[in-house]
Amino acid sequence: MDLGLSDRKAVICASSRGLGRGCAVALAEAGCSVVINGRNAHTLTDTAKDIHHATGAKVDVVVADVSTIEGQNALLAACPDPDILVNNNGGPPFRDFRELDRQAILEGVTQNMVTPIELIQSVIDGMCERRFGRIVNITSSSVYMPIRGLDLSSGARAGLTSFLAGVARSVADRNVTINTLLPGKMDTDRLTSSFQNTSAKTGKSIDEVKAAALQNIPASRMGTPEEFGNTCAFLCSRYAGYITGRNLLVDGGLYPSAF
């Protein structure tokens, strides 16, 4: 299917690996030139080579922490007028909320709420003027279904969701959409690390920990970065112009809700 994205320009934050990389690959396959971002230069360069080799797309790299103003400026210098912005960033680590001090809370909110808002502020007017824009925010299914120890991450991402609900509706008439993807248990390094930590704490093998997690997922498997990325690409496509202000769970049916 032609998604109508040929020659579009996309900025994908935190995209050297995991779900961000999955989104970058899918958008490159759809015909976009992509700007990818990460903090590890070696990993980022390898990812750029892989994407270009697989798709032929133009791939620019920006080694930076997107949570900083300097990192954001570097991204926008590489692509001043993106048609697509995929907001993504690592979340705070598992931690009992009692252990969070003010600085840790502020850092978590900056990473997962303030940063995407700042980037949207920088690009949204240009999208409105060109009458095409697609903004996709990657948050977490924990926004709907709390996970103990991820309270800071969930709270910051929920704040972002509510903040953008009205913004999305204010620009819909200019063919600019803002939607959110909420991943569940995805086959990424972050989830693998979580399994390893649980294994170390409980004495159970990693296979046992993983099997227990899969028991709760109706699909009986983890999601892949590839299918997550293709979902993102659809939300960025010409076919999704009538979808905005929505939160789409990509969780294999894990969240038990009829609506």
C-alpha atoms as a PDB file:
ATOM      1  CA  MET A   1       0.000   0.000   0.000  1.00  0.00           C
ATOM      2  CA  ASP A   2       1.277   3.453  -0.944  1.00  0.00           C
ATOM      3  CA  LEU A   3       0.964   5.509   2.233  1.00  0.00           C
ATOM      4  CA  GLY A   4       1.417   8.785   0.378  1.00  0.00           C
ATOM      5  CA  LEU A   5       4.626   9.591   2.212  1.00  0.00           C
ATOM      6  CA  SER A   6       7.111   9.712  -0.636  1.00  0.00           C
ATOM      7  CA  ASP A   7       9.555  12.594  -0.196  1.00  0.00           C
ATOM      8  CA  ARG A   8       8.148  13.514   3.206  1.00  0.00           C
ATOM      9  CA  LYS A   9      10.644  14.444   5.901  1.00  0.00           C
ATOM     10  CA  ALA A  10      10.484  12.711   9.266  1.00  0.00           C
ATOM     11  CA  VAL A  11      12.251  13.299  12.570  1.00  0.00           C
ATOM     12  CA  ILE A  12      12.225  10.289  14.882  1.00  0.00           C
ATOM     13  CA  CYS A  13      13.544  10.835  18.383  1.00  0.00           C
ATOM     14  CA  ALA A  14      15.461   8.151  20.285  1.00  0.00           C
ATOM     15  CA  SER A  15      15.560   5.935  17.210  1.00  0.00           C
ATOM     16  CA  SER A  16      18.887   4.121  17.250  1.00  0.00           C
ATOM     17  CA  ARG A  17      17.180   0.983  18.564  1.00  0.00           C
ATOM     18  CA  GLY A  18      13.918  -0.439  19.854  1.00  0.00           C
ATOM     19  CA  LEU A  19      10.548   1.064  19.002  1.00  0.00           C
ATOM     20  CA  GLY A  20      12.053   4.316  17.690  1.00  0.00           C
ATOM     21  CA  ARG A  21      14.170   2.359  15.244  1.00  0.00           C
ATOM     22  CA  GLY A  22      11.101   0.373  14.192  1.00  0.00           C
ATOM     23  CA  CYS A  23       9.312   3.639  13.380  1.00  0.00           C
ATOM     24  CA  ALA A  24      12.306   4.999  11.452  1.00  0.00           C
ATOM     25  CA  VAL A  25      12.569   1.850   9.350  1.00  0.00           C
ATOM     26  CA  ALA A  26       8.859   1.847   8.517  1.00  0.00           C
ATOM     27  CA  LEU A  27       8.832   5.528   7.551  1.00  0.00           C
ATOM     28  CA  ALA A  28      11.934   5.062   5.393  1.00  0.00           C
ATOM     29  CA  GLU A  29      10.261   2.106   3.685  1.00  0.00           C
ATOM     30  CA  ALA A  30       7.253   4.353   3.019  1.00  0.00           C
ATOM     31  CA  GLY A  31       9.461   6.814   1.137  1.00  0.00           C
ATOM     32  CA  CYS A  32      10.406   9.340   3.800  1.00  0.00           C
ATOM     33  CA  SER A  33      13.824  10.828   4.354  1.00  0.00           C
ATOM     34  CA  VAL A  34      14.508  10.360   8.031  1.00  0.00           C
ATOM     35  CA  VAL A  35      16.490  12.040  10.766  1.00  0.00           C
ATOM     36  CA  ILE A  36      17.326   9.553  13.489  1.00  0.00           C
ATOM     37  CA  ASN A  37      18.605  10.340  16.935  1.00  0.00           C
ATOM     38  CA  GLY A  38      20.388   8.717  19.833  1.00  0.00           C
ATOM     39  CA  ARG A  39      23.140   9.253  22.368  1.00  0.00           C
ATOM     40  CA  ASN A  40      25.453   6.438  21.281  1.00  0.00           C
ATOM     41  CA  ALA A  41      27.244   7.491  18.091  1.00  0.00           C
ATOM     42  CA  HIS A  42      28.338   3.972  17.168  1.00  0.00           C
ATOM     43  CA  THR A  43      24.868   2.450  17.533  1.00  0.00           C
ATOM     44  CA  LEU A  44      23.261   5.356  15.718  1.00  0.00           C
ATOM     45  CA  THR A  45      25.674   5.153  12.775  1.00  0.00           C
ATOM     46  CA  ASP A  46      25.098   1.424  12.432  1.00  0.00           C
ATOM     47  CA  THR A  47      21.349   1.952  12.458  1.00  0.00           C
ATOM     48  CA  ALA A  48      21.612   4.633   9.771  1.00  0.00           C
ATOM     49  CA  LYS A  49      23.640   2.306   7.553  1.00  0.00           C
ATOM     50  CA  ASP A  50      21.151  -0.514   8.049  1.00  0.00           C
ATOM     51  CA  ILE A  51      18.155   1.682   7.202  1.00  0.00           C
ATOM     52  CA  HIS A  52      19.793   3.156   4.118  1.00  0.00           C
ATOM     53  CA  HIS A  53      20.947  -0.258   2.894  1.00  0.00           C
ATOM     54  CA  ALA A  54      17.476  -1.770   3.380  1.00  0.00           C
ATOM     55  CA  THR A  55      15.389   1.090   1.983  1.00  0.00           C
ATOM     56  CA  GLY A  56      17.613   3.422  -0.029  1.00  0.00           C
ATOM     57  CA  ALA A  57      16.245   6.316   1.987  1.00  0.00           C
ATOM     58  CA  LYS A  58      18.223   9.411   2.898  1.00  0.00           C
ATOM     59  CA  VAL A  59      19.165   9.048   6.564  1.00  0.00           C
ATOM     60  CA  ASP A  60      20.695  11.812   8.675  1.00  0.00           C
ATOM     61  CA  VAL A  61      21.957  11.207  12.186  1.00  0.00           C
ATOM     62  CA  VAL A  62      21.947  13.502  15.193  1.00  0.00           C
ATOM     63  CA  VAL A  63      23.910  12.328  18.204  1.00  0.00           C
ATOM     64  CA  ALA A  64      22.275  14.163  21.090  1.00  0.00           C
ATOM     65  CA  ASP A  65      20.129  13.909  24.186  1.00  0.00           C
ATOM     66  CA  VAL A  66      16.747  15.047  22.940  1.00  0.00           C
ATOM     67  CA  SER A  67      15.784  16.090  26.469  1.00  0.00           C
ATOM     68  CA  THR A  68      18.183  19.026  26.267  1.00  0.00           C
ATOM     69  CA  ILE A  69      17.590  22.266  24.416  1.00  0.00           C
ATOM     70  CA  GLU A  70      20.915  21.716  22.618  1.00  0.00           C
ATOM     71  CA  GLY A  71      19.773  18.290  21.465  1.00  0.00           C
ATOM     72  CA  GLN A  72      16.466  19.641  20.199  1.00  0.00           C
ATOM     73  CA  ASN A  73      18.223  22.457  18.352  1.00  0.00           C
ATOM     74  CA  ALA A  74      20.516  19.933  16.686  1.00  0.00           C
ATOM     75  CA  LEU A  75      17.542  17.861  15.525  1.00  0.00           C
ATOM     76  CA  LEU A  76      15.777  20.886  14.082  1.00  0.00           C
ATOM     77  CA  ALA A  77      18.963  22.118  12.438  1.00  0.00           C
ATOM     78  CA  ALA A  78      19.143  18.787  10.607  1.00  0.00           C
ATOM     79  CA  CYS A  79      15.486  19.090   9.558  1.00  0.00           C
ATOM     80  CA  PRO A  80      14.006  22.569  10.126  1.00  0.00           C
ATOM     81  CA  ASP A  81      10.613  21.812   8.557  1.00  0.00           C
ATOM     82  CA  PRO A  82       9.639  18.182   9.192  1.00  0.00           C
ATOM     83  CA  ASP A  83       6.367  16.787   7.899  1.00  0.00           C
ATOM     84  CA  ILE A  84       6.443  14.096  10.569  1.00  0.00           C
ATOM     85  CA  LEU A  85       7.604  14.168  14.178  1.00  0.00           C
ATOM     86  CA  VAL A  86       7.791  11.000  16.239  1.00  0.00           C
ATOM     87  CA  ASN A  87       8.357  11.830  19.888  1.00  0.00           C
ATOM     88  CA  ASN A  88      10.112   9.121  21.825  1.00  0.00           C
ATOM     89  CA  ASN A  89      12.426   9.064  24.824  1.00  0.00           C
ATOM     90  CA  GLY A  90      13.634   6.696  27.477  1.00  0.00           C
ATOM     91  CA  GLY A  91      11.659   6.702  30.670  1.00  0.00           C
ATOM     92  CA  PRO A  92      12.808   6.755  34.286  1.00  0.00           C
ATOM     93  CA  PRO A  93      13.961   3.387  35.636  1.00  0.00           C
ATOM     94  CA  PHE A  94      11.883   1.219  37.965  1.00  0.00           C
ATOM     95  CA  ARG A  95      11.916   2.820  41.384  1.00  0.00           C
ATOM     96  CA  ASP A  96       9.640   2.932  44.413  1.00  0.00           C
ATOM     97  CA  PHE A  97       7.992   6.349  44.472  1.00  0.00           C
ATOM     98  CA  ARG A  98       9.274   6.884  48.025  1.00  0.00           C
ATOM     99  CA  GLU A  99      12.803   6.953  46.652  1.00  0.00           C
ATOM    100  CA  LEU A 100      12.116   9.780  44.206  1.00  0.00           C
ATOM    101  CA  ASP A 101      13.512  13.150  45.171  1.00  0.00           C
ATOM    102  CA  ARG A 102      12.549  16.453  43.563  1.00  0.00           C
ATOM    103  CA  GLN A 103      15.380  16.331  41.012  1.00  0.00           C
ATOM    104  CA  ALA A 104      14.460  12.834  39.854  1.00  0.00           C
ATOM    105  CA  ILE A 105      10.811  13.840  39.462  1.00  0.00           C
ATOM    106  CA  LEU A 106      11.707  16.940  37.469  1.00  0.00           C
ATOM    107  CA  GLU A 107      14.022  14.927  35.203  1.00  0.00           C
ATOM    108  CA  GLY A 108      11.298  12.356  34.536  1.00  0.00           C
ATOM    109  CA  VAL A 109       8.733  15.024  33.689  1.00  0.00           C
ATOM    110  CA  THR A 110      11.263  16.787  31.451  1.00  0.00           C
ATOM    111  CA  GLN A 111      12.069  13.587  29.557  1.00  0.00           C
ATOM    112  CA  ASN A 112       8.536  12.345  29.026  1.00  0.00           C
ATOM    113  CA  MET A 113       6.333  15.439  29.012  1.00  0.00           C
ATOM    114  CA  VAL A 114       8.213  18.697  28.585  1.00  0.00           C
ATOM    115  CA  THR A 115      10.535  17.528  25.793  1.00  0.00           C
ATOM    116  CA  PRO A 116       7.819  16.397  23.355  1.00  0.00           C
ATOM    117  CA  ILE A 117       5.807  19.536  24.041  1.00  0.00           C
ATOM    118  CA  GLU A 118       8.820  21.717  23.265  1.00  0.00           C
ATOM    119  CA  LEU A 119       9.468  19.907  19.984  1.00  0.00           C
ATOM    120  CA  ILE A 120       5.823  20.178  18.980  1.00  0.00           C
ATOM    121  CA  GLN A 121       5.908  23.897  19.707  1.00  0.00           C
ATOM    122  CA  SER A 122       8.855  24.205  17.326  1.00  0.00           C
ATOM    123  CA  VAL A 123       7.329  22.389  14.350  1.00  0.00           C
ATOM    124  CA  ILE A 124       3.566  22.661  14.504  1.00  0.00           C
ATOM    125  CA  ASP A 125       3.098  26.105  12.943  1.00  0.00           C
ATOM    126  CA  GLY A 126       5.157  25.136   9.906  1.00  0.00           C
ATOM    127  CA  MET A 127       3.068  21.997   9.508  1.00  0.00           C
ATOM    128  CA  CYS A 128      -0.091  24.094   9.665  1.00  0.00           C
ATOM    129  CA  GLU A 129       1.213  26.495   7.016  1.00  0.00           C
ATOM    130  CA  ARG A 130       2.073  23.592   4.691  1.00  0.00           C
ATOM    131  CA  ARG A 131      -1.256  21.934   5.531  1.00  0.00           C
ATOM    132  CA  PHE A 132       0.299  18.605   6.318  1.00  0.00           C
ATOM    133  CA  GLY A 133       1.674  17.344   9.589  1.00  0.00           C
ATOM    134  CA  ARG A 134       1.762  14.104  11.494  1.00  0.00           C
ATOM    135  CA  ILE A 135       2.862  13.966  15.124  1.00  0.00           C
ATOM    136  CA  VAL A 136       3.038  10.634  16.889  1.00  0.00           C
ATOM    137  CA  ASN A 137       3.968  10.370  20.554  1.00  0.00           C
ATOM    138  CA  ILE A 138       5.208   7.082  21.940  1.00  0.00           C
ATOM    139  CA  THR A 139       4.146   6.692  25.565  1.00  0.00           C
ATOM    140  CA  SER A 140       3.195   3.436  27.332  1.00  0.00           C
ATOM    141  CA  SER A 141       0.241   1.210  28.145  1.00  0.00           C
ATOM    142  CA  SER A 142       1.052   2.050  31.771  1.00  0.00           C
ATOM    143  CA  VAL A 143      -0.798   5.323  31.185  1.00  0.00           C
ATOM    144  CA  TYR A 144      -3.976   3.194  31.259  1.00  0.00           C
ATOM    145  CA  MET A 145      -2.811   0.305  33.415  1.00  0.00           C
ATOM    146  CA  PRO A 146      -0.387   1.384  36.156  1.00  0.00           C
ATOM    147  CA  ILE A 147       2.805  -0.577  36.739  1.00  0.00           C
ATOM    148  CA  ARG A 148       4.243  -0.351  40.230  1.00  0.00           C
ATOM    149  CA  GLY A 149       7.655   1.259  40.126  1.00  0.00           C
ATOM    150  CA  LEU A 150       6.937   3.169  36.914  1.00  0.00           C
ATOM    151  CA  ASP A 151       4.784   5.804  38.602  1.00  0.00           C
ATOM    152  CA  LEU A 152       6.926   8.718  37.430  1.00  0.00           C
ATOM    153  CA  SER A 153       7.026   7.518  33.842  1.00  0.00           C
ATOM    154  CA  SER A 154       3.274   6.847  33.789  1.00  0.00           C
ATOM    155  CA  GLY A 155       2.416  10.176  35.382  1.00  0.00           C
ATOM    156  CA  ALA A 156       4.567  12.240  33.030  1.00  0.00           C
ATOM    157  CA  ARG A 157       3.230  10.430  29.958  1.00  0.00           C
ATOM    158  CA  ALA A 158      -0.352  10.788  31.141  1.00  0.00           C
ATOM    159  CA  GLY A 159       0.275  14.507  31.589  1.00  0.00           C
ATOM    160  CA  LEU A 160       1.522  14.707  28.008  1.00  0.00           C
ATOM    161  CA  THR A 161      -1.594  12.907  26.786  1.00  0.00           C
ATOM    162  CA  SER A 162      -3.943  15.325  28.513  1.00  0.00           C
ATOM    163  CA  PHE A 163      -1.913  18.374  27.498  1.00  0.00           C
ATOM    164  CA  LEU A 164      -2.073  17.461  23.813  1.00  0.00           C
ATOM    165  CA  ALA A 165      -5.741  16.471  23.734  1.00  0.00           C
ATOM    166  CA  GLY A 166      -6.837  20.053  23.164  1.00  0.00           C
ATOM    167  CA  VAL A 167      -3.837  20.946  21.001  1.00  0.00           C
ATOM    168  CA  ALA A 168      -4.693  18.146  18.574  1.00  0.00           C
ATOM    169  CA  ARG A 169      -8.155  19.522  18.027  1.00  0.00           C
ATOM    170  CA  SER A 170      -6.886  23.050  17.494  1.00  0.00           C
ATOM    171  CA  VAL A 171      -4.924  22.116  14.349  1.00  0.00           C
ATOM    172  CA  ALA A 172      -7.041  19.338  12.838  1.00  0.00           C
ATOM    173  CA  ASP A 173      -8.536  21.689  10.239  1.00  0.00           C
ATOM    174  CA  ARG A 174      -5.029  22.266   8.817  1.00  0.00           C
ATOM    175  CA  ASN A 175      -4.478  18.535   8.138  1.00  0.00           C
ATOM    176  CA  VAL A 176      -2.183  18.240  11.149  1.00  0.00           C
ATOM    177  CA  THR A 177      -2.816  15.287  13.426  1.00  0.00           C
ATOM    178  CA  ILE A 178      -1.479  14.398  16.868  1.00  0.00           C
ATOM    179  CA  ASN A 179      -1.863  10.835  18.081  1.00  0.00           C
ATOM    180  CA  THR A 180      -0.275   8.624  20.685  1.00  0.00           C
ATOM    181  CA  LEU A 181       0.917   5.024  20.507  1.00  0.00           C
ATOM    182  CA  LEU A 182       0.878   3.110  23.777  1.00  0.00           C
ATOM    183  CA  PRO A 183       3.103   0.026  23.594  1.00  0.00           C
ATOM    184  CA  GLY A 184       2.569  -2.943  25.863  1.00  0.00           C
ATOM    185  CA  LYS A 185       5.059  -5.795  26.211  1.00  0.00           C
ATOM    186  CA  MET A 186       7.353  -5.240  23.241  1.00  0.00           C
ATOM    187  CA  ASP A 187      10.431  -7.258  22.290  1.00  0.00           C
ATOM    188  CA  THR A 188      12.969  -4.542  23.101  1.00  0.00           C
ATOM    189  CA  ASP A 189      16.127  -4.176  25.162  1.00  0.00           C
ATOM    190  CA  ARG A 190      14.138  -2.332  27.850  1.00  0.00           C
ATOM    191  CA  LEU A 191      11.784  -5.277  28.385  1.00  0.00           C
ATOM    192  CA  THR A 192      14.676  -7.732  28.337  1.00  0.00           C
ATOM    193  CA  SER A 193      16.361  -5.671  31.044  1.00  0.00           C
ATOM    194  CA  SER A 194      13.150  -5.761  33.064  1.00  0.00           C
ATOM    195  CA  PHE A 195      13.028  -9.560  32.801  1.00  0.00           C
ATOM    196  CA  GLN A 196      16.652  -9.741  33.917  1.00  0.00           C
ATOM    197  CA  ASN A 197      16.008  -7.538  36.943  1.00  0.00           C
ATOM    198  CA  THR A 198      12.971  -9.582  37.943  1.00  0.00           C
ATOM    199  CA  SER A 199      14.979 -12.769  37.546  1.00  0.00           C
ATOM    200  CA  ALA A 200      17.730 -11.425  39.788  1.00  0.00           C
ATOM    201  CA  LYS A 201      15.260 -10.355  42.473  1.00  0.00           C
ATOM    202  CA  THR A 202      13.118 -13.504  42.490  1.00  0.00           C
ATOM    203  CA  GLY A 203      15.645 -16.223  41.692  1.00  0.00           C
ATOM    204  CA  LYS A 204      13.486 -17.408  38.812  1.00  0.00           C
ATOM    205  CA  SER A 205      15.045 -17.991  35.403  1.00  0.00           C
ATOM    206  CA  ILE A 206      14.564 -15.401  32.694  1.00  0.00           C
ATOM    207  CA  ASP A 207      12.510 -17.940  30.728  1.00  0.00           C
ATOM    208  CA  GLU A 208      10.210 -18.397  33.713  1.00  0.00           C
ATOM    209  CA  VAL A 209       9.806 -14.650  34.148  1.00  0.00           C
ATOM    210  CA  LYS A 210       9.056 -14.210  30.449  1.00  0.00           C
ATOM    211  CA  ALA A 211       6.548 -17.080  30.429  1.00  0.00           C
ATOM    212  CA  ALA A 212       4.705 -15.553  33.375  1.00  0.00           C
ATOM    213  CA  ALA A 213       4.474 -12.214  31.573  1.00  0.00           C
ATOM    214  CA  LEU A 214       3.165 -13.811  28.380  1.00  0.00           C
ATOM    215  CA  GLN A 215       0.404 -15.626  30.264  1.00  0.00           C
ATOM    216  CA  ASN A 216      -1.370 -12.298  30.733  1.00  0.00           C
ATOM    217  CA  ILE A 217      -1.249 -11.322  27.049  1.00  0.00           C
ATOM    218  CA  PRO A 218      -4.136 -12.638  24.919  1.00  0.00           C
ATOM    219  CA  ALA A 219      -1.852 -12.706  21.866  1.00  0.00           C
ATOM    220  CA  SER A 220       0.524 -14.970  23.855  1.00  0.00           C
ATOM    221  CA  ARG A 221       3.600 -13.167  22.578  1.00  0.00           C
ATOM    222  CA  MET A 222       5.484  -9.925  22.737  1.00  0.00           C
ATOM    223  CA  GLY A 223       5.022  -7.291  20.072  1.00  0.00           C
ATOM    224  CA  THR A 224       7.795  -6.479  17.620  1.00  0.00           C
ATOM    225  CA  PRO A 225       9.385  -3.141  16.741  1.00  0.00           C
ATOM    226  CA  GLU A 226       8.526  -3.861  13.098  1.00  0.00           C
ATOM    227  CA  GLU A 227       4.770  -4.095  13.616  1.00  0.00           C
ATOM    228  CA  PHE A 228       4.859  -1.152  15.997  1.00  0.00           C
ATOM    229  CA  GLY A 229       6.730   0.885  13.376  1.00  0.00           C
ATOM    230  CA  ASN A 230       4.230   0.017  10.668  1.00  0.00           C
ATOM    231  CA  THR A 231       1.400   1.142  12.931  1.00  0.00           C
ATOM    232  CA  CYS A 232       3.218   4.440  13.358  1.00  0.00           C
ATOM    233  CA  ALA A 233       3.677   4.750   9.590  1.00  0.00           C
ATOM    234  CA  PHE A 234      -0.053   4.259   9.055  1.00  0.00           C
ATOM    235  CA  LEU A 235      -0.876   7.056  11.524  1.00  0.00           C
ATOM    236  CA  CYS A 236       1.482   9.259   9.510  1.00  0.00           C
ATOM    237  CA  SER A 237      -0.080   8.332   6.184  1.00  0.00           C
ATOM    238  CA  ARG A 238      -2.533  10.123   3.964  1.00  0.00           C
ATOM    239  CA  TYR A 239      -5.165   7.585   5.058  1.00  0.00           C
ATOM    240  CA  ALA A 240      -5.068   8.685   8.683  1.00  0.00           C
ATOM    241  CA  GLY A 241      -5.887  12.365   8.254  1.00  0.00           C
ATOM    242  CA  TYR A 242      -9.243  11.891   9.999  1.00  0.00           C
ATOM    243  CA  ILE A 243      -7.690  10.323  13.085  1.00  0.00           C
ATOM    244  CA  THR A 244      -6.448  12.757  15.704  1.00  0.00           C
ATOM    245  CA  GLY A 245      -6.290  13.135  19.454  1.00  0.00           C
ATOM    246  CA  ARG A 246      -6.359   9.355  19.846  1.00  0.00           C
ATOM    247  CA  ASN A 247      -4.463   6.892  22.015  1.00  0.00           C
ATOM    248  CA  LEU A 248      -3.831   3.584  20.283  1.00  0.00           C
ATOM    249  CA  LEU A 249      -2.814   0.620  22.413  1.00  0.00           C
ATOM    250  CA  VAL A 250      -0.363  -1.764  20.772  1.00  0.00           C
ATOM    251  CA  ASP A 251      -0.418  -4.442  23.436  1.00  0.00           C
ATOM    252  CA  GLY A 252      -1.779  -7.715  22.057  1.00  0.00           C
ATOM    253  CA  GLY A 253      -5.022  -7.229  23.976  1.00  0.00           C
ATOM    254  CA  LEU A 254      -3.322  -6.913  27.378  1.00  0.00           C
ATOM    255  CA  TYR A 255      -5.443  -3.998  28.580  1.00  0.00           C
ATOM    256  CA  PRO A 256      -8.883  -5.452  29.333  1.00  0.00           C
ATOM    257  CA  SER A 257     -11.385  -2.913  28.063  1.00  0.00           C
ATOM    258  CA  ALA A 258     -14.354  -2.945  25.723  1.00  0.00           C
ATOM    259  CA  PHE A 259     -13.970   0.755  24.896  1.00  0.00           C
END
